[in-house]
Amino acid sequence: MIALPRMWCNFHLPKQSIHLVTVSPPFKKNELVDQEGVIYREVRKFKYFIKGSDVNPIKRETIFLEMLENLDPRDAELLCLAKDKKSLGKGITVNVANKAFPGLINEKK
């Protein structure tokens, strides 16, 4: 359950600068079953999308596209919403996320 708040923290906080195109790329949805756990493996790649990453922009977009294609389609949709800094759900705020997962989101970064 840690992947969703980590995704929110990495992409949604106003102080984070995301280095991805603003339009979500077209991708082939993963049709395999039982892919809900893949997000836990993919979350480690989030570091490539945050300001300060020295990854080539084309490689960065390729990594993002591959992530979307590997994820369960519902997780891919959440990732696109987070990337675009859109709400992941009604009422999700920093305070709510910190209540659910104490200390995960530190706004002072």
N, C-alpha and C. Protein backbone atom coordinates (compact mmCIF):
# COMPACT_ATOMS: atom_id res chain seq x y z
N MET A 1 0.82 -1.20 0.00
CA MET A 1 0.00 0.00 0.00
C MET A 1 0.86 1.25 0.00
N ILE A 2 2.16 1.11 0.11
CA ILE A 2 3.04 2.27 0.17
C ILE A 2 3.23 2.92 -1.20
N ALA A 3 2.99 2.21 -2.28
CA ALA A 3 3.24 2.74 -3.63
C ALA A 3 2.35 3.92 -3.96
N LEU A 4 1.07 3.88 -3.60
CA LEU A 4 0.16 4.97 -3.92
C LEU A 4 0.57 6.28 -3.23
N PRO A 5 0.83 6.28 -1.92
CA PRO A 5 1.27 7.55 -1.32
C PRO A 5 2.63 8.01 -1.84
N ARG A 6 3.52 7.07 -2.16
CA ARG A 6 4.82 7.45 -2.71
C ARG A 6 4.63 8.11 -4.07
N MET A 7 3.72 7.56 -4.88
CA MET A 7 3.41 8.13 -6.19
C MET A 7 2.86 9.55 -5.99
N TRP A 8 1.95 9.70 -5.06
CA TRP A 8 1.34 10.99 -4.80
C TRP A 8 2.40 11.99 -4.34
N CYS A 9 3.24 11.55 -3.44
CA CYS A 9 4.30 12.41 -2.90
C CYS A 9 5.26 12.85 -3.99
N ASN A 10 5.70 11.93 -4.83
CA ASN A 10 6.69 12.24 -5.85
C ASN A 10 6.17 13.14 -6.95
N PHE A 11 4.90 13.04 -7.27
CA PHE A 11 4.37 13.78 -8.41
C PHE A 11 3.43 14.92 -8.05
N HIS A 12 2.71 14.82 -6.96
CA HIS A 12 1.60 15.73 -6.73
C HIS A 12 1.95 16.95 -5.89
N LEU A 13 2.95 16.86 -5.07
CA LEU A 13 3.29 18.02 -4.23
C LEU A 13 3.75 19.18 -5.10
N PRO A 14 3.30 20.40 -4.77
CA PRO A 14 3.62 21.55 -5.62
C PRO A 14 5.11 21.85 -5.71
N LYS A 15 5.88 21.47 -4.72
CA LYS A 15 7.31 21.77 -4.73
C LYS A 15 8.11 20.82 -5.62
N GLN A 16 7.49 19.75 -6.08
CA GLN A 16 8.19 18.80 -6.93
C GLN A 16 8.11 19.27 -8.39
N SER A 17 9.23 19.21 -9.06
CA SER A 17 9.28 19.54 -10.48
C SER A 17 9.44 18.25 -11.27
N ILE A 18 8.44 17.98 -12.11
CA ILE A 18 8.42 16.74 -12.87
C ILE A 18 8.98 16.99 -14.26
N HIS A 19 9.87 16.12 -14.70
CA HIS A 19 10.46 16.24 -16.03
C HIS A 19 9.84 15.22 -16.98
N LEU A 20 8.55 15.42 -17.28
CA LEU A 20 7.85 14.59 -18.25
C LEU A 20 6.94 15.49 -19.06
N VAL A 21 6.58 15.06 -20.25
CA VAL A 21 5.66 15.86 -21.06
C VAL A 21 4.33 15.95 -20.34
N THR A 22 3.60 17.04 -20.56
CA THR A 22 2.35 17.23 -19.84
C THR A 22 1.22 16.37 -20.38
N VAL A 23 1.34 15.92 -21.61
CA VAL A 23 0.31 15.06 -22.21
C VAL A 23 0.68 13.61 -21.93
N SER A 24 -0.28 12.84 -21.45
CA SER A 24 -0.01 11.42 -21.21
C SER A 24 0.15 10.70 -22.55
N PRO A 25 1.21 9.94 -22.70
CA PRO A 25 1.47 9.29 -23.98
C PRO A 25 0.50 8.14 -24.24
N PRO A 26 0.23 7.86 -25.51
CA PRO A 26 -0.58 6.68 -25.81
C PRO A 26 0.26 5.44 -25.50
N PHE A 27 -0.36 4.49 -24.84
CA PHE A 27 0.38 3.28 -24.49
C PHE A 27 -0.54 2.07 -24.61
N LYS A 28 0.09 0.92 -24.80
CA LYS A 28 -0.65 -0.33 -24.90
C LYS A 28 -0.98 -0.81 -23.49
N LYS A 29 -2.26 -0.93 -23.17
CA LYS A 29 -2.66 -1.36 -21.83
C LYS A 29 -2.30 -2.81 -21.61
N ASN A 30 -1.81 -3.07 -20.42
CA ASN A 30 -1.42 -4.41 -20.02
C ASN A 30 -2.69 -5.25 -19.83
N GLU A 31 -2.82 -6.34 -20.55
CA GLU A 31 -4.00 -7.19 -20.47
C GLU A 31 -3.78 -8.43 -19.62
N LEU A 32 -2.60 -8.58 -19.04
CA LEU A 32 -2.34 -9.72 -18.18
C LEU A 32 -3.10 -9.57 -16.87
N VAL A 33 -3.46 -10.68 -16.27
CA VAL A 33 -4.17 -10.64 -14.99
C VAL A 33 -3.16 -10.64 -13.84
N ASP A 34 -3.63 -10.24 -12.68
CA ASP A 34 -2.82 -10.22 -11.46
C ASP A 34 -1.58 -9.35 -11.58
N GLN A 35 -1.72 -8.17 -12.15
CA GLN A 35 -0.60 -7.24 -12.31
C GLN A 35 -0.64 -6.12 -11.28
N GLU A 36 -1.53 -6.25 -10.29
CA GLU A 36 -1.70 -5.18 -9.31
C GLU A 36 -0.43 -4.93 -8.50
N GLY A 37 0.42 -5.93 -8.32
CA GLY A 37 1.62 -5.77 -7.52
C GLY A 37 2.82 -5.19 -8.25
N VAL A 38 2.71 -5.02 -9.55
CA VAL A 38 3.84 -4.53 -10.35
C VAL A 38 4.25 -3.12 -9.92
N ILE A 39 3.31 -2.32 -9.46
CA ILE A 39 3.61 -0.94 -9.06
C ILE A 39 4.69 -0.90 -7.99
N TYR A 40 4.74 -1.91 -7.14
CA TYR A 40 5.75 -1.93 -6.07
C TYR A 40 7.16 -2.06 -6.64
N ARG A 41 7.29 -2.76 -7.74
CA ARG A 41 8.60 -2.89 -8.40
C ARG A 41 8.95 -1.63 -9.18
N GLU A 42 7.93 -1.02 -9.79
CA GLU A 42 8.15 0.14 -10.65
C GLU A 42 8.37 1.44 -9.88
N VAL A 43 7.95 1.50 -8.63
CA VAL A 43 8.03 2.75 -7.87
C VAL A 43 9.48 3.25 -7.73
N ARG A 44 10.43 2.36 -7.80
CA ARG A 44 11.83 2.77 -7.67
C ARG A 44 12.32 3.60 -8.85
N LYS A 45 11.58 3.59 -9.95
CA LYS A 45 11.95 4.37 -11.14
C LYS A 45 11.48 5.82 -11.07
N PHE A 46 10.70 6.17 -10.06
CA PHE A 46 10.18 7.53 -9.95
C PHE A 46 11.29 8.56 -9.88
N LYS A 47 12.44 8.18 -9.36
CA LYS A 47 13.55 9.12 -9.21
C LYS A 47 14.02 9.69 -10.56
N TYR A 48 13.75 8.99 -11.65
CA TYR A 48 14.17 9.47 -12.97
C TYR A 48 13.32 10.63 -13.48
N PHE A 49 12.16 10.84 -12.87
CA PHE A 49 11.22 11.85 -13.35
C PHE A 49 11.26 13.15 -12.56
N ILE A 50 12.00 13.19 -11.48
CA ILE A 50 12.06 14.36 -10.61
C ILE A 50 13.23 15.24 -11.02
N LYS A 51 13.07 16.55 -10.84
CA LYS A 51 14.13 17.51 -11.16
C LYS A 51 15.43 17.09 -10.48
N GLY A 52 16.50 17.18 -11.22
CA GLY A 52 17.81 16.79 -10.70
C GLY A 52 18.29 15.47 -11.28
N SER A 53 17.41 14.74 -11.92
CA SER A 53 17.80 13.49 -12.56
C SER A 53 18.60 13.81 -13.81
N ASP A 54 19.68 13.09 -14.03
CA ASP A 54 20.52 13.37 -15.19
C ASP A 54 20.25 12.41 -16.35
N VAL A 55 19.05 11.86 -16.39
CA VAL A 55 18.67 10.93 -17.46
C VAL A 55 18.30 11.72 -18.71
N ASN A 56 18.74 11.23 -19.85
CA ASN A 56 18.41 11.82 -21.14
C ASN A 56 16.88 11.92 -21.27
N PRO A 57 16.34 13.06 -21.76
CA PRO A 57 14.88 13.22 -21.86
C PRO A 57 14.18 12.13 -22.67
N ILE A 58 14.79 11.65 -23.73
CA ILE A 58 14.18 10.59 -24.53
C ILE A 58 14.14 9.29 -23.72
N LYS A 59 15.23 9.00 -23.02
CA LYS A 59 15.28 7.80 -22.17
C LYS A 59 14.24 7.91 -21.05
N ARG A 60 14.08 9.11 -20.48
CA ARG A 60 13.10 9.34 -19.41
C ARG A 60 11.68 9.03 -19.90
N GLU A 61 11.35 9.51 -21.09
CA GLU A 61 10.02 9.25 -21.65
C GLU A 61 9.83 7.77 -21.95
N THR A 62 10.90 7.11 -22.41
CA THR A 62 10.84 5.67 -22.69
C THR A 62 10.59 4.89 -21.41
N ILE A 63 11.28 5.25 -20.35
CA ILE A 63 11.09 4.59 -19.05
C ILE A 63 9.64 4.76 -18.59
N PHE A 64 9.12 5.98 -18.73
CA PHE A 64 7.74 6.24 -18.31
C PHE A 64 6.75 5.41 -19.13
N LEU A 65 6.94 5.37 -20.43
CA LEU A 65 6.06 4.60 -21.30
C LEU A 65 6.11 3.11 -20.95
N GLU A 66 7.30 2.60 -20.70
CA GLU A 66 7.44 1.19 -20.32
C GLU A 66 6.76 0.91 -18.98
N MET A 67 6.86 1.87 -18.05
CA MET A 67 6.17 1.71 -16.77
C MET A 67 4.67 1.58 -16.99
N LEU A 68 4.11 2.49 -17.79
CA LEU A 68 2.67 2.47 -18.04
C LEU A 68 2.23 1.15 -18.66
N GLU A 69 3.04 0.62 -19.57
CA GLU A 69 2.68 -0.63 -20.25
C GLU A 69 2.85 -1.85 -19.35
N ASN A 70 3.70 -1.76 -18.33
CA ASN A 70 3.90 -2.88 -17.40
C ASN A 70 2.86 -2.91 -16.29
N LEU A 71 2.30 -1.77 -15.96
CA LEU A 71 1.38 -1.67 -14.82
C LEU A 71 -0.01 -2.18 -15.16
N ASP A 72 -0.73 -2.54 -14.11
CA ASP A 72 -2.16 -2.80 -14.23
C ASP A 72 -2.79 -1.52 -14.80
N PRO A 73 -3.75 -1.61 -15.72
CA PRO A 73 -4.32 -0.41 -16.33
C PRO A 73 -4.85 0.62 -15.33
N ARG A 74 -5.37 0.16 -14.20
CA ARG A 74 -5.87 1.11 -13.18
C ARG A 74 -4.71 1.86 -12.53
N ASP A 75 -3.61 1.16 -12.28
CA ASP A 75 -2.43 1.82 -11.72
C ASP A 75 -1.81 2.78 -12.73
N ALA A 76 -1.83 2.41 -14.00
CA ALA A 76 -1.30 3.29 -15.05
C ALA A 76 -2.12 4.59 -15.11
N GLU A 77 -3.42 4.46 -14.97
CA GLU A 77 -4.29 5.64 -14.97
C GLU A 77 -3.98 6.55 -13.77
N LEU A 78 -3.78 5.95 -12.61
CA LEU A 78 -3.42 6.74 -11.42
C LEU A 78 -2.07 7.43 -11.62
N LEU A 79 -1.13 6.73 -12.23
CA LEU A 79 0.18 7.32 -12.49
C LEU A 79 0.07 8.52 -13.42
N CYS A 80 -0.76 8.41 -14.45
CA CYS A 80 -0.96 9.54 -15.37
C CYS A 80 -1.62 10.71 -14.65
N LEU A 81 -2.58 10.44 -13.78
CA LEU A 81 -3.23 11.50 -13.00
C LEU A 81 -2.21 12.18 -12.08
N ALA A 82 -1.38 11.38 -11.44
CA ALA A 82 -0.37 11.93 -10.54
C ALA A 82 0.65 12.77 -11.30
N LYS A 83 1.06 12.28 -12.47
CA LYS A 83 2.03 13.02 -13.29
C LYS A 83 1.48 14.38 -13.70
N ASP A 84 0.20 14.41 -14.02
CA ASP A 84 -0.44 15.65 -14.44
C ASP A 84 -0.87 16.52 -13.25
N LYS A 85 -0.50 16.07 -12.03
CA LYS A 85 -0.82 16.77 -10.78
C LYS A 85 -2.33 16.95 -10.61
N LYS A 86 -3.08 15.96 -11.07
CA LYS A 86 -4.52 15.94 -10.87
C LYS A 86 -4.81 15.12 -9.63
N SER A 87 -5.96 15.32 -9.06
CA SER A 87 -6.33 14.64 -7.82
C SER A 87 -6.41 13.13 -8.04
N LEU A 88 -5.82 12.39 -7.11
CA LEU A 88 -5.88 10.93 -7.16
C LEU A 88 -7.19 10.43 -6.56
N GLY A 89 -7.89 11.30 -5.92
CA GLY A 89 -9.16 10.94 -5.29
C GLY A 89 -9.68 12.12 -4.50
N LYS A 90 -10.97 12.17 -4.35
CA LYS A 90 -11.58 13.27 -3.63
C LYS A 90 -11.11 13.29 -2.18
N GLY A 91 -10.63 14.44 -1.75
CA GLY A 91 -10.25 14.61 -0.35
C GLY A 91 -8.84 14.20 0.00
N ILE A 92 -8.05 13.76 -0.96
CA ILE A 92 -6.67 13.38 -0.65
C ILE A 92 -5.83 14.65 -0.55
N THR A 93 -5.31 14.90 0.62
CA THR A 93 -4.46 16.05 0.87
C THR A 93 -3.19 15.57 1.56
N VAL A 94 -2.25 16.47 1.74
CA VAL A 94 -1.01 16.12 2.45
C VAL A 94 -1.34 15.67 3.87
N ASN A 95 -2.27 16.37 4.53
CA ASN A 95 -2.63 16.00 5.90
C ASN A 95 -3.24 14.60 5.96
N VAL A 96 -4.12 14.28 5.03
CA VAL A 96 -4.74 12.95 5.00
C VAL A 96 -3.67 11.89 4.74
N ALA A 97 -2.78 12.14 3.79
CA ALA A 97 -1.72 11.17 3.48
C ALA A 97 -0.80 10.97 4.68
N ASN A 98 -0.46 12.06 5.39
CA ASN A 98 0.41 11.93 6.57
C ASN A 98 -0.29 11.24 7.73
N LYS A 99 -1.61 11.38 7.81
CA LYS A 99 -2.34 10.65 8.85
C LYS A 99 -2.33 9.16 8.56
N ALA A 100 -2.53 8.81 7.30
CA ALA A 100 -2.56 7.40 6.92
C ALA A 100 -1.16 6.77 6.96
N PHE A 101 -0.16 7.54 6.54
CA PHE A 101 1.22 7.05 6.47
C PHE A 101 2.12 8.08 7.13
N PRO A 102 2.21 8.09 8.46
CA PRO A 102 2.97 9.11 9.18
C PRO A 102 4.41 9.24 8.71
N GLY A 103 4.79 10.50 8.42
CA GLY A 103 6.16 10.81 8.07
C GLY A 103 6.55 10.52 6.63
N LEU A 104 5.64 9.98 5.83
CA LEU A 104 5.99 9.65 4.45
C LEU A 104 6.19 10.89 3.60
N ILE A 105 5.33 11.88 3.78
CA ILE A 105 5.38 13.09 2.96
C ILE A 105 5.91 14.23 3.81
N ASN A 106 7.08 14.73 3.42
CA ASN A 106 7.70 15.84 4.11
C ASN A 106 7.69 17.04 3.16
N GLU A 107 6.82 18.00 3.41
CA GLU A 107 6.68 19.15 2.51
C GLU A 107 7.86 20.11 2.58
N LYS A 108 8.73 19.97 3.54
CA LYS A 108 9.84 20.91 3.71
C LYS A 108 10.99 20.65 2.79
N LYS A 109 10.90 19.66 1.93
CA LYS A 109 11.99 19.33 1.00
C LYS A 109 12.22 20.45 0.03
